[in-house]
Amino acid sequence: MRYVYDNFKNVEIDLRQNSELLTEEFGINVLYIRNAKFIRCKCFNDLNKNGDAKCPYCLGTGHLASVQKIKAIESSNVRPYSDESSTFKTNIGVTDQKSEIYYIRQQYNPKERDLILKVTWDKYGNPVDIVKVLEIINVYEMRGDNGRVELNGCVINNRTDLVTPYRKYLSILPKKIIRQINIGEKGVWPLMNKE
């Protein structure tokens, strides 16, 4: 028995490689929308430093965004019963919140206020319809022994108010951007008409 212990004593585990394997096996394809502060929308107001709330291009953010197809691991932490800390009073009544976390590969470097679009895909890998729009409200880096970031955990908030506008944009998304998304490149969301 001691011989077996000695053989495994100095085994090194590559957490990044193992997280990659887990993501490939259990991950789902999502659209990742990065809020790109360096691409200003035509509605951006330099004086107020914000966009027009009714703008159909940026949805009032004042900036356009990049879109990319990535794999993420979806995880839900659901309590077996509701308690006071998980229920919230809203305009439509009391809702029960479940804590959802998406695990994203370290190279994507997710940020707060970025969006994850959970979508349905056709047989060719093209996005068809939006199931959920999720806003990242907190990001925590999961580090290995040497301090290297191995994976990012993203606590998300379900943004039901954004499903309809993003569903509209998805339906008119140009084929050029869909091709970019399918080969792993970034596209600009939404593509503005040149004037």
Protein backbone atom coordinates (compact mmCIF):
# COMPACT_ATOMS: atom_id res chain seq x y z
CA MET A 1 0.00 0.00 0.00
CA ARG A 2 2.82 2.39 0.77
CA TYR A 3 4.27 1.79 -2.69
CA VAL A 4 1.08 3.10 -4.31
CA TYR A 5 1.19 6.21 -2.10
CA ASP A 6 4.80 6.92 -3.10
CA ASN A 7 3.91 6.70 -6.80
CA PHE A 8 1.20 9.35 -6.46
CA LYS A 9 3.02 11.57 -3.99
CA ASN A 10 4.44 14.03 -6.53
CA VAL A 11 1.66 14.00 -9.10
CA GLU A 12 0.91 17.47 -10.48
CA ILE A 13 -2.59 18.29 -11.60
CA ASP A 14 -3.02 20.92 -14.29
CA LEU A 15 -6.22 22.68 -13.20
CA ARG A 16 -6.47 24.70 -16.41
CA GLN A 17 -6.32 21.56 -18.54
CA ASN A 18 -8.92 19.84 -16.34
CA SER A 19 -11.22 22.87 -16.46
CA GLU A 20 -10.87 22.86 -20.26
CA LEU A 21 -11.89 19.19 -20.33
CA LEU A 22 -14.88 19.90 -18.07
CA THR A 23 -15.94 22.86 -20.23
CA GLU A 24 -15.73 20.80 -23.42
CA GLU A 25 -17.72 17.94 -21.89
CA PHE A 26 -20.35 19.81 -19.84
CA GLY A 27 -20.33 23.32 -21.31
CA ILE A 28 -23.09 24.81 -23.43
CA ASN A 29 -22.70 27.24 -26.32
CA VAL A 30 -23.77 30.77 -25.43
CA LEU A 31 -23.36 34.19 -26.99
CA TYR A 32 -21.10 36.41 -24.91
CA ILE A 33 -21.83 40.14 -25.26
CA ARG A 34 -18.93 42.31 -24.10
CA ASN A 35 -19.81 45.91 -23.38
CA ALA A 36 -17.18 47.68 -25.52
CA LYS A 37 -16.65 51.14 -24.05
CA PHE A 38 -14.32 52.07 -26.91
CA ILE A 39 -17.03 51.79 -29.61
CA ARG A 40 -19.42 54.68 -29.15
CA CYS A 41 -22.89 54.61 -30.58
CA LYS A 42 -24.06 57.53 -32.73
CA CYS A 43 -26.48 58.48 -29.89
CA PHE A 44 -23.65 58.96 -27.35
CA ASN A 45 -23.84 62.35 -25.63
CA ASP A 46 -20.37 63.71 -24.80
CA LEU A 47 -21.76 66.19 -22.31
CA ASN A 48 -23.73 63.65 -20.23
CA LYS A 49 -21.46 60.67 -21.04
CA ASN A 50 -24.39 58.37 -21.77
CA GLY A 51 -26.62 57.19 -24.59
CA ASP A 52 -30.22 57.80 -25.53
CA ALA A 53 -32.46 55.39 -23.57
CA LYS A 54 -34.62 54.82 -26.69
CA CYS A 55 -31.72 54.06 -29.06
CA PRO A 56 -32.41 50.84 -31.02
CA TYR A 57 -28.69 50.22 -31.62
CA CYS A 58 -27.16 50.26 -28.15
CA LEU A 59 -30.29 49.93 -25.98
CA GLY A 60 -29.35 53.12 -24.16
CA THR A 61 -25.82 52.17 -23.11
CA GLY A 62 -24.17 54.67 -25.48
CA HIS A 63 -21.69 52.03 -26.61
CA LEU A 64 -21.84 49.13 -29.02
CA ALA A 65 -20.75 45.69 -27.97
CA SER A 66 -18.85 42.73 -29.34
CA VAL A 67 -20.50 39.33 -29.62
CA GLN A 68 -18.74 35.97 -29.50
CA LYS A 69 -19.83 32.33 -29.29
CA ILE A 70 -18.21 30.64 -26.28
CA LYS A 71 -18.72 27.56 -24.14
CA ALA A 72 -19.70 28.03 -20.51
CA ILE A 73 -20.66 25.68 -17.71
CA GLU A 74 -24.08 26.50 -16.27
CA SER A 75 -24.63 25.88 -12.58
CA SER A 76 -27.62 26.63 -10.37
CA ASN A 77 -27.63 26.79 -6.61
CA VAL A 78 -31.23 26.18 -5.65
CA ARG A 79 -32.34 26.04 -2.07
CA PRO A 80 -34.75 23.22 -1.17
CA TYR A 81 -37.17 25.81 0.23
CA SER A 82 -37.61 29.56 -0.01
CA ASP A 83 -36.33 31.75 2.77
CA GLU A 84 -36.40 35.50 3.31
CA SER A 85 -32.98 36.07 1.69
CA SER A 86 -34.06 34.43 -1.57
CA THR A 87 -37.42 36.18 -2.10
CA PHE A 88 -37.76 39.69 -3.49
CA LYS A 89 -40.74 42.00 -3.79
CA THR A 90 -41.21 43.28 -7.36
CA ASN A 91 -43.90 45.19 -9.25
CA ILE A 92 -45.62 41.93 -10.16
CA GLY A 93 -45.42 40.38 -6.69
CA VAL A 94 -42.91 38.32 -4.75
CA THR A 95 -40.40 36.31 -6.77
CA ASP A 96 -38.07 33.54 -5.67
CA GLN A 97 -34.49 34.09 -6.81
CA LYS A 98 -32.14 31.22 -7.46
CA SER A 99 -28.44 31.87 -7.60
CA GLU A 100 -27.00 31.00 -11.00
CA ILE A 101 -23.31 30.86 -11.82
CA TYR A 102 -21.70 30.47 -15.21
CA TYR A 103 -18.11 29.24 -15.38
CA ILE A 104 -16.17 30.78 -18.25
CA ARG A 105 -12.67 29.99 -19.51
CA GLN A 106 -9.94 32.29 -18.24
CA GLN A 107 -8.96 33.70 -21.66
CA TYR A 108 -12.31 35.48 -22.08
CA ASN A 109 -11.74 37.66 -18.99
CA PRO A 110 -15.42 38.38 -18.23
CA LYS A 111 -16.42 41.71 -16.68
CA GLU A 112 -19.38 42.96 -14.69
CA ARG A 113 -22.27 44.26 -16.82
CA ASP A 114 -21.33 42.00 -19.76
CA LEU A 115 -24.17 39.79 -20.99
CA ILE A 116 -24.55 36.07 -21.60
CA LEU A 117 -27.26 35.13 -24.08
CA LYS A 118 -28.55 31.61 -23.67
CA VAL A 119 -29.85 30.78 -27.13
CA THR A 120 -31.20 27.87 -29.16
CA TRP A 121 -29.06 26.72 -32.09
CA ASP A 122 -29.96 25.20 -35.43
CA LYS A 123 -28.25 22.10 -36.83
CA TYR A 124 -25.60 24.28 -38.50
CA GLY A 125 -24.60 25.99 -35.26
CA ASN A 126 -26.38 29.27 -35.97
CA PRO A 127 -28.23 31.10 -33.18
CA VAL A 128 -32.00 30.84 -33.69
CA ASP A 129 -33.81 32.25 -30.66
CA ILE A 130 -32.98 33.75 -27.29
CA VAL A 131 -33.95 31.75 -24.21
CA LYS A 132 -32.46 34.05 -21.54
CA VAL A 133 -30.49 37.27 -21.28
CA LEU A 134 -28.17 37.12 -18.28
CA GLU A 135 -26.18 40.06 -16.91
CA ILE A 136 -22.93 39.37 -15.08
CA ILE A 137 -23.14 41.06 -11.68
CA ASN A 138 -19.99 39.62 -10.09
CA VAL A 139 -16.89 37.84 -11.36
CA TYR A 140 -14.53 35.84 -9.21
CA GLU A 141 -11.30 34.35 -10.45
CA MET A 142 -10.58 30.76 -9.57
CA ARG A 143 -6.83 30.49 -9.09
CA GLY A 144 -4.48 27.52 -8.95
CA ASP A 145 -1.58 26.91 -6.58
CA ASN A 146 0.76 29.36 -8.31
CA GLY A 147 -1.82 32.15 -8.50
CA ARG A 148 -2.62 31.62 -12.19
CA VAL A 149 -6.28 32.17 -13.09
CA GLU A 150 -7.71 28.81 -14.16
CA LEU A 151 -11.41 29.63 -14.59
CA ASN A 152 -13.81 32.52 -13.96
CA GLY A 153 -17.04 32.17 -12.00
CA CYS A 154 -19.72 34.65 -13.06
CA VAL A 155 -22.70 35.34 -10.80
CA ILE A 156 -25.53 36.42 -13.07
CA ASN A 157 -28.85 38.21 -12.95
CA ASN A 158 -31.69 37.17 -15.26
CA ARG A 159 -32.66 40.22 -17.39
CA THR A 160 -36.12 39.33 -18.68
CA ASP A 161 -36.58 42.97 -19.78
CA LEU A 162 -33.87 42.53 -22.44
CA VAL A 163 -35.13 39.31 -24.06
CA THR A 164 -37.45 41.04 -26.56
CA PRO A 165 -34.95 43.68 -27.80
CA TYR A 166 -32.16 41.13 -28.17
CA ARG A 167 -34.51 38.66 -29.85
CA LYS A 168 -35.28 41.39 -32.40
CA TYR A 169 -31.57 42.05 -33.01
CA LEU A 170 -30.83 38.35 -33.34
CA SER A 171 -33.48 38.02 -36.05
CA ILE A 172 -31.86 40.76 -38.17
CA LEU A 173 -28.24 39.87 -37.45
CA PRO A 174 -26.29 39.94 -40.74
CA LYS A 175 -24.92 36.66 -42.10
CA LYS A 176 -21.40 38.14 -41.99
CA ILE A 177 -21.57 38.41 -38.19
CA ILE A 178 -23.12 34.93 -37.88
CA ARG A 179 -20.20 33.53 -39.92
CA GLN A 180 -17.73 35.35 -37.64
CA ILE A 181 -19.47 33.97 -34.55
CA ASN A 182 -19.43 30.40 -35.89
CA ILE A 183 -15.66 30.40 -36.45
CA GLY A 184 -14.99 31.82 -32.98
CA GLU A 185 -14.34 35.44 -33.96
CA LYS A 186 -15.95 38.53 -32.47
CA GLY A 187 -18.55 40.57 -34.28
CA VAL A 188 -19.91 44.01 -33.43
CA TRP A 189 -23.40 43.86 -31.90
CA PRO A 190 -25.56 45.30 -33.33
CA LEU A 191 -24.16 46.34 -36.69
CA MET A 192 -25.06 49.96 -37.28
CA ASN A 193 -26.11 51.20 -40.70
CA LYS A 194 -23.49 53.46 -42.24
CA GLU A 195 -24.80 56.92 -42.86
